Amino acid sequence: MRYLSIGEPLVEFTARPDAESTFERRAGGDTLNTAIYLSRLMGPGTVGYQSCLGDDPQSIWLRDLIEAEGIDVTPLAMRQGARPGLYFITTDEQGERSFTYWRSQSPFRDHFTDPASLEILESAEILFLSAITLAVLRPDGRANLLAALQRRRDAGAQVIFDTNYRPVLWENAETAGEFIMQAARIASLLLPSCDDLEACFKAADPEDAMRRLMAETEAEIVMTTGGDAVLRRAPRADHFERHPLPPAVKAVDTTGAGDSFNAAYIAARDKGLTPEDAIAKAAELASVVVRHKGATIPRSAMPQLFD
């Protein structure tokens, strides 16, 4: 297992375009979406998923789906009597989505309070998490996870962090910003969007957001800007570059676009592609994802990104 993705899996219900009162069930959650796309691109057994589910039919369905994607579920705990979180997605005419969540009962919230769950972090070379991972954890579990990630980073592991900011999950923007920056300082690769930074840190524009991050971390930074040029700062560099993207496609559903972008960029860099080519591959996958309903597209719709 080369990669370990850490976060909260959810049961996703997406309204059918031909029957608005009918919802299709899928798996969701940002780090799970990334894990699924990364597993498809890198091959079975390269990605593991660390989280916690219950023992009800929805939890078992989620676990089986994750395993069917070639993801190692050994790090996935199953707690007796627990129930997973779920959410409903609705989209507007431009494909922009809105979410309604029921996730307070998720057993992942109490994760990382025991040594065994922290020991699993030793099982992979590269660890991936997001700000949502941090947001949904209890304070003691969050502190334990961040401390363990710092130890792994000091030992030579890579840490990839997505700044995915959801205001409703945090007490306030100040608290969110504190922990997002703490994780950013640990990370070797930082994957922010300018929307996250503008909402959480009141950054004036993408350039301002990049400068703020560059002042706080030596990590490689790859920032998406809502379809405009991607900004990238090489590790420890004192400047950043712009990488233009092809014209945007008409979106059906933007859910999972950023997660698929992250997975394709990570996979492309792992396969030795240049940052410029990796960004192009990431944009290619995301442009396919937004033309489908739900966070993860059918395997049959996956583009052939790599030979």
Protein backbone atom coordinates (compact mmCIF):
# COMPACT_ATOMS: atom_id res chain seq x y z
CA MET A 1 0.00 0.00 0.00
CA ARG A 2 1.72 3.13 -1.27
CA TYR A 3 -1.02 5.65 -0.45
CA LEU A 4 -3.29 5.93 2.56
CA SER A 5 -6.31 8.22 2.25
CA ILE A 6 -7.85 9.35 5.55
CA GLY A 7 -11.34 10.69 6.00
CA GLU A 8 -15.06 10.18 6.35
CA PRO A 9 -16.96 8.08 3.78
CA LEU A 10 -20.57 9.04 3.17
CA VAL A 11 -23.60 7.58 1.44
CA GLU A 12 -24.47 9.97 -1.39
CA PHE A 13 -27.94 10.41 -2.84
CA THR A 14 -28.16 12.32 -6.13
CA ALA A 15 -31.43 13.46 -7.68
CA ARG A 16 -32.14 11.97 -11.09
CA PRO A 17 -32.53 14.62 -13.81
CA ASP A 18 -35.60 12.85 -15.23
CA ALA A 19 -37.27 12.32 -11.83
CA GLU A 20 -36.40 14.92 -9.19
CA SER A 21 -38.02 12.97 -6.37
CA THR A 22 -35.93 9.87 -7.17
CA PHE A 23 -32.39 9.67 -5.83
CA GLU A 24 -29.58 7.34 -6.87
CA ARG A 25 -27.29 5.93 -4.16
CA ARG A 26 -23.55 6.34 -4.53
CA ALA A 27 -20.48 6.61 -2.30
CA GLY A 28 -19.16 10.07 -1.45
CA GLY A 29 -16.80 12.06 0.73
CA ASP A 30 -13.85 14.04 -0.58
CA THR A 31 -11.00 11.77 0.52
CA LEU A 32 -12.90 8.68 -0.60
CA ASN A 33 -13.54 10.21 -4.02
CA THR A 34 -9.83 10.91 -4.37
CA ALA A 35 -8.96 7.40 -3.19
CA ILE A 36 -11.29 5.83 -5.78
CA TYR A 37 -9.90 7.86 -8.67
CA LEU A 38 -6.32 7.32 -7.48
CA SER A 39 -6.88 3.55 -7.22
CA ARG A 40 -8.31 3.46 -10.74
CA LEU A 41 -5.29 5.34 -12.07
CA MET A 42 -2.57 3.59 -10.04
CA GLY A 43 -3.96 0.06 -9.87
CA PRO A 44 -5.42 -2.28 -7.22
CA GLY A 45 -3.61 -2.48 -3.90
CA THR A 46 -1.75 0.83 -4.19
CA VAL A 47 -4.29 2.81 -2.14
CA GLY A 48 -5.74 2.14 1.30
CA TYR A 49 -8.58 3.93 3.05
CA GLN A 50 -8.55 4.68 6.75
CA SER A 51 -11.85 5.52 8.38
CA CYS A 52 -14.58 4.05 10.56
CA LEU A 53 -18.01 2.71 9.62
CA GLY A 54 -20.76 0.85 11.45
CA ASP A 55 -22.15 -2.65 11.01
CA ASP A 56 -25.48 -1.72 9.38
CA PRO A 57 -26.37 -2.52 5.74
CA GLN A 58 -25.31 0.95 4.49
CA SER A 59 -21.88 0.61 6.13
CA ILE A 60 -21.38 -2.86 4.69
CA TRP A 61 -22.46 -1.60 1.26
CA LEU A 62 -19.91 1.22 1.51
CA ARG A 63 -17.10 -1.11 2.61
CA ASP A 64 -17.83 -3.55 -0.20
CA LEU A 65 -17.94 -0.75 -2.78
CA ILE A 66 -14.62 0.63 -1.56
CA GLU A 67 -13.04 -2.82 -1.73
CA ALA A 68 -14.47 -3.42 -5.21
CA GLU A 69 -12.56 -0.32 -6.36
CA GLY A 70 -9.30 -2.11 -5.57
CA ILE A 71 -8.76 -0.13 -2.37
CA ASP A 72 -7.25 -1.85 0.66
CA VAL A 73 -9.92 -1.81 3.40
CA THR A 74 -7.66 -3.26 6.11
CA PRO A 75 -7.38 0.23 7.72
CA LEU A 76 -11.19 0.62 7.66
CA ALA A 77 -12.66 -0.03 11.13
CA MET A 78 -16.22 -1.34 11.52
CA ARG A 79 -17.86 -0.34 14.83
CA GLN A 80 -20.77 -2.30 16.22
CA GLY A 81 -24.01 -0.33 16.38
CA ALA A 82 -22.66 2.69 14.46
CA ARG A 83 -24.19 4.26 11.33
CA PRO A 84 -22.46 6.18 8.49
CA GLY A 85 -23.11 9.76 7.50
CA LEU A 86 -25.14 10.53 4.40
CA TYR A 87 -25.99 13.49 2.18
CA PHE A 88 -28.25 14.57 -0.65
CA ILE A 89 -27.07 16.54 -3.70
CA THR A 90 -29.11 18.91 -5.82
CA THR A 91 -27.69 20.83 -8.77
CA ASP A 92 -28.70 23.99 -10.62
CA GLU A 93 -28.73 24.58 -14.38
CA GLN A 94 -24.99 25.32 -14.40
CA GLY A 95 -24.16 22.07 -12.62
CA GLU A 96 -23.28 23.80 -9.35
CA ARG A 97 -24.28 21.64 -6.43
CA SER A 98 -25.74 22.12 -2.98
CA PHE A 99 -25.59 19.59 -0.16
CA THR A 100 -27.82 18.53 2.72
CA TYR A 101 -25.93 16.43 5.28
CA TRP A 102 -26.78 14.01 8.08
CA ARG A 103 -23.35 13.16 9.46
CA SER A 104 -23.34 13.90 13.20
CA GLN A 105 -23.70 10.18 13.96
CA SER A 106 -20.69 9.17 11.84
CA PRO A 107 -18.32 6.91 13.85
CA PHE A 108 -15.31 8.51 12.18
CA ARG A 109 -15.81 11.53 14.43
CA ASP A 110 -14.42 9.53 17.36
CA HIS A 111 -11.50 8.07 15.41
CA PHE A 112 -7.82 8.52 16.33
CA THR A 113 -8.45 8.36 20.07
CA ASP A 114 -6.76 4.95 20.41
CA PRO A 115 -3.14 4.00 19.61
CA ALA A 116 -4.14 1.26 17.14
CA SER A 117 -5.76 3.75 14.76
CA LEU A 118 -2.63 5.90 14.81
CA GLU A 119 -0.34 2.92 14.17
CA ILE A 120 -2.07 2.36 10.83
CA LEU A 121 -0.48 5.60 9.61
CA GLU A 122 2.84 3.71 9.57
CA SER A 123 1.57 1.39 6.82
CA ALA A 124 1.92 3.76 3.84
CA GLU A 125 4.61 5.93 2.28
CA ILE A 126 2.23 8.74 1.33
CA LEU A 127 -0.71 9.98 3.43
CA PHE A 128 -3.61 12.00 2.06
CA LEU A 129 -6.21 13.99 4.02
CA SER A 130 -8.31 17.13 3.76
CA ALA A 131 -9.56 19.94 5.95
CA ILE A 132 -12.87 18.06 6.09
CA THR A 133 -11.01 15.16 7.72
CA LEU A 134 -9.85 17.56 10.44
CA ALA A 135 -13.19 19.35 10.73
CA VAL A 136 -15.29 16.28 11.53
CA LEU A 137 -12.93 14.81 14.15
CA ARG A 138 -13.30 15.45 17.87
CA PRO A 139 -10.60 17.83 19.22
CA ASP A 140 -8.53 15.06 20.85
CA GLY A 141 -8.62 12.87 17.75
CA ARG A 142 -7.71 15.84 15.56
CA ALA A 143 -4.74 16.69 17.76
CA ASN A 144 -3.59 13.05 17.80
CA LEU A 145 -3.81 12.81 14.02
CA LEU A 146 -1.85 16.02 13.41
CA ALA A 147 0.86 14.95 15.85
CA ALA A 148 1.12 11.54 14.18
CA LEU A 149 1.32 13.12 10.73
CA GLN A 150 4.17 15.34 11.91
CA ARG A 151 6.02 12.26 13.20
CA ARG A 152 5.52 10.47 9.89
CA ARG A 153 6.70 13.54 7.99
CA ASP A 154 9.80 13.79 10.17
CA ALA A 155 10.46 10.11 9.41
CA GLY A 156 10.43 10.77 5.66
CA ALA A 157 6.84 10.05 4.66
CA GLN A 158 4.98 12.40 2.33
CA VAL A 159 1.79 14.15 3.46
CA ILE A 160 -0.69 15.51 0.91
CA PHE A 161 -3.30 17.97 2.19
CA ASP A 162 -6.38 19.35 0.46
CA THR A 163 -7.62 22.59 2.06
CA ASN A 164 -11.28 21.69 1.32
CA TYR A 165 -13.07 24.22 3.56
CA ARG A 166 -16.70 23.71 4.60
CA PRO A 167 -17.76 26.52 6.97
CA VAL A 168 -20.69 24.56 8.40
CA LEU A 169 -18.28 21.96 9.84
CA TRP A 170 -16.23 24.46 11.87
CA GLU A 171 -16.97 26.65 14.89
CA ASN A 172 -15.73 29.67 12.97
CA ALA A 173 -13.31 30.66 10.22
CA GLU A 174 -10.54 31.48 12.72
CA THR A 175 -10.53 27.94 14.14
CA ALA A 176 -10.62 26.45 10.67
CA GLY A 177 -7.75 28.65 9.55
CA GLU A 178 -5.62 27.68 12.53
CA PHE A 179 -5.87 23.95 11.81
CA ILE A 180 -5.66 24.30 8.04
CA MET A 181 -2.39 26.18 8.42
CA GLN A 182 -1.10 23.65 10.94
CA ALA A 183 -1.69 20.87 8.42
CA ALA A 184 -0.24 22.99 5.61
CA ARG A 185 3.03 23.32 7.53
CA ILE A 186 3.24 19.52 7.84
CA ALA A 187 2.38 18.82 4.20
CA SER A 188 4.82 18.03 1.41
CA LEU A 189 2.13 18.72 -1.22
CA LEU A 190 -0.66 21.23 -0.67
CA LEU A 191 -3.78 21.18 -2.87
CA PRO A 192 -5.85 24.31 -2.19
CA SER A 193 -8.53 26.03 -4.19
CA CYS A 194 -8.70 29.81 -4.24
CA ASP A 195 -12.35 29.53 -3.13
CA ASP A 196 -11.21 27.82 0.09
CA LEU A 197 -8.64 30.49 0.83
CA GLU A 198 -10.91 33.40 -0.03
CA ALA A 199 -13.68 32.03 2.19
CA CYS A 200 -11.54 31.02 5.15
CA PHE A 201 -8.72 33.58 5.09
CA LYS A 202 -10.44 36.41 3.22
CA ALA A 203 -7.74 36.33 0.57
CA ALA A 204 -8.34 39.07 -1.98
CA ASP A 205 -7.49 36.97 -5.05
CA PRO A 206 -5.57 33.80 -6.01
CA GLU A 207 -2.24 35.62 -5.98
CA ASP A 208 -2.87 36.86 -2.44
CA ALA A 209 -3.87 33.36 -1.38
CA MET A 210 -0.68 31.90 -2.83
CA ARG A 211 1.50 34.45 -1.10
CA ARG A 212 -0.15 33.66 2.25
CA LEU A 213 0.46 29.94 1.82
CA MET A 214 4.02 30.42 0.62
CA ALA A 215 4.79 32.38 3.78
CA GLU A 216 3.59 29.49 5.96
CA THR A 217 4.83 26.31 4.28
CA GLU A 218 7.71 24.98 2.19
CA ALA A 219 5.41 22.46 0.48
CA GLU A 220 4.72 22.20 -3.20
CA ILE A 221 1.47 24.11 -3.80
CA VAL A 222 -0.94 23.43 -6.66
CA MET A 223 -3.88 25.83 -6.48
CA THR A 224 -7.00 25.62 -8.63
CA THR A 225 -8.83 28.85 -9.39
CA GLY A 226 -12.31 27.82 -10.48
CA GLY A 227 -11.42 26.95 -14.07
CA ASP A 228 -8.86 29.69 -14.67
CA ALA A 229 -5.11 29.09 -14.68
CA VAL A 230 -3.69 26.74 -12.05
CA LEU A 231 -1.02 28.33 -9.87
CA ARG A 232 1.94 26.17 -8.80
CA ARG A 233 4.80 26.84 -6.42
CA ALA A 234 7.62 24.27 -6.45
CA PRO A 235 8.80 23.10 -3.02
CA ARG A 236 10.56 25.91 -1.15
CA ALA A 237 10.53 28.21 -4.21
CA ASP A 238 10.07 31.94 -3.73
CA HIS A 239 7.81 32.35 -6.78
CA PHE A 240 4.91 30.59 -8.48
CA GLU A 241 3.96 29.81 -12.08
CA ARG A 242 0.67 29.94 -13.98
CA HIS A 243 -0.53 26.96 -15.97
CA PRO A 244 -3.45 27.83 -18.30
CA LEU A 245 -6.28 25.31 -18.68
CA PRO A 246 -8.37 24.46 -21.75
CA PRO A 247 -11.75 26.19 -22.06
CA ALA A 248 -14.28 24.97 -19.50
CA VAL A 249 -16.83 22.36 -20.58
CA LYS A 250 -20.53 22.60 -19.80
CA ALA A 251 -20.96 20.96 -16.41
CA VAL A 252 -23.77 18.61 -15.43
CA ASP A 253 -22.56 18.19 -11.84
CA THR A 254 -19.36 19.65 -10.37
CA THR A 255 -19.35 17.24 -7.41
CA GLY A 256 -15.99 15.47 -7.19
CA ALA A 257 -14.25 17.68 -9.75
CA GLY A 258 -11.57 18.84 -7.33
CA ASP A 259 -11.16 15.35 -5.87
CA SER A 260 -10.57 13.83 -9.30
CA PHE A 261 -8.17 16.67 -10.19
CA ASN A 262 -6.16 15.88 -7.06
CA ALA A 263 -6.04 12.15 -7.83
CA ALA A 264 -4.92 12.63 -11.41
CA TYR A 265 -2.24 15.15 -10.44
CA ILE A 266 -0.88 12.82 -7.75
CA ALA A 267 -0.90 9.82 -10.10
CA ALA A 268 0.73 11.74 -12.94
CA ARG A 269 3.54 12.99 -10.74
CA ASP A 270 3.99 9.48 -9.33
CA LYS A 271 4.41 8.22 -12.91
CA GLY A 272 7.13 10.80 -13.58
CA LEU A 273 5.21 13.43 -15.57
CA THR A 274 6.26 17.05 -15.32
CA PRO A 275 4.10 19.40 -13.23
CA GLU A 276 2.76 21.03 -16.41
CA ASP A 277 1.76 17.68 -17.92
CA ALA A 278 0.35 16.48 -14.60
CA ILE A 279 -1.88 19.56 -14.38
CA ALA A 280 -3.10 18.92 -17.94
CA LYS A 281 -3.95 15.30 -17.06
CA ALA A 282 -5.73 16.44 -13.89
CA ALA A 283 -7.80 18.96 -15.83
CA GLU A 284 -8.66 16.31 -18.42
CA LEU A 285 -10.08 13.94 -15.82
CA ALA A 286 -11.97 16.71 -14.01
CA SER A 287 -13.53 17.83 -17.31
CA VAL A 288 -14.96 14.34 -17.75
CA VAL A 289 -16.15 14.07 -14.15
CA VAL A 290 -18.23 17.26 -14.30
CA ARG A 291 -20.17 15.87 -17.26
CA HIS A 292 -21.59 13.08 -15.09
CA LYS A 293 -23.89 12.99 -12.09
CA GLY A 294 -22.37 12.21 -8.71
CA ALA A 295 -18.90 12.36 -7.23
CA THR A 296 -17.46 9.27 -8.95
CA ILE A 297 -18.13 8.46 -12.58
CA PRO A 298 -18.59 4.93 -13.95
CA ARG A 299 -15.38 3.06 -14.70
CA SER A 300 -16.47 2.88 -18.32
CA ALA A 301 -16.35 6.69 -18.52
CA MET A 302 -12.77 7.00 -17.22
CA PRO A 303 -10.46 8.57 -19.82
CA GLN A 304 -7.21 6.82 -20.71
CA LEU A 305 -4.83 9.30 -19.09
CA PHE A 306 -1.68 7.16 -19.14
CA ASP A 307 -0.22 4.57 -21.50
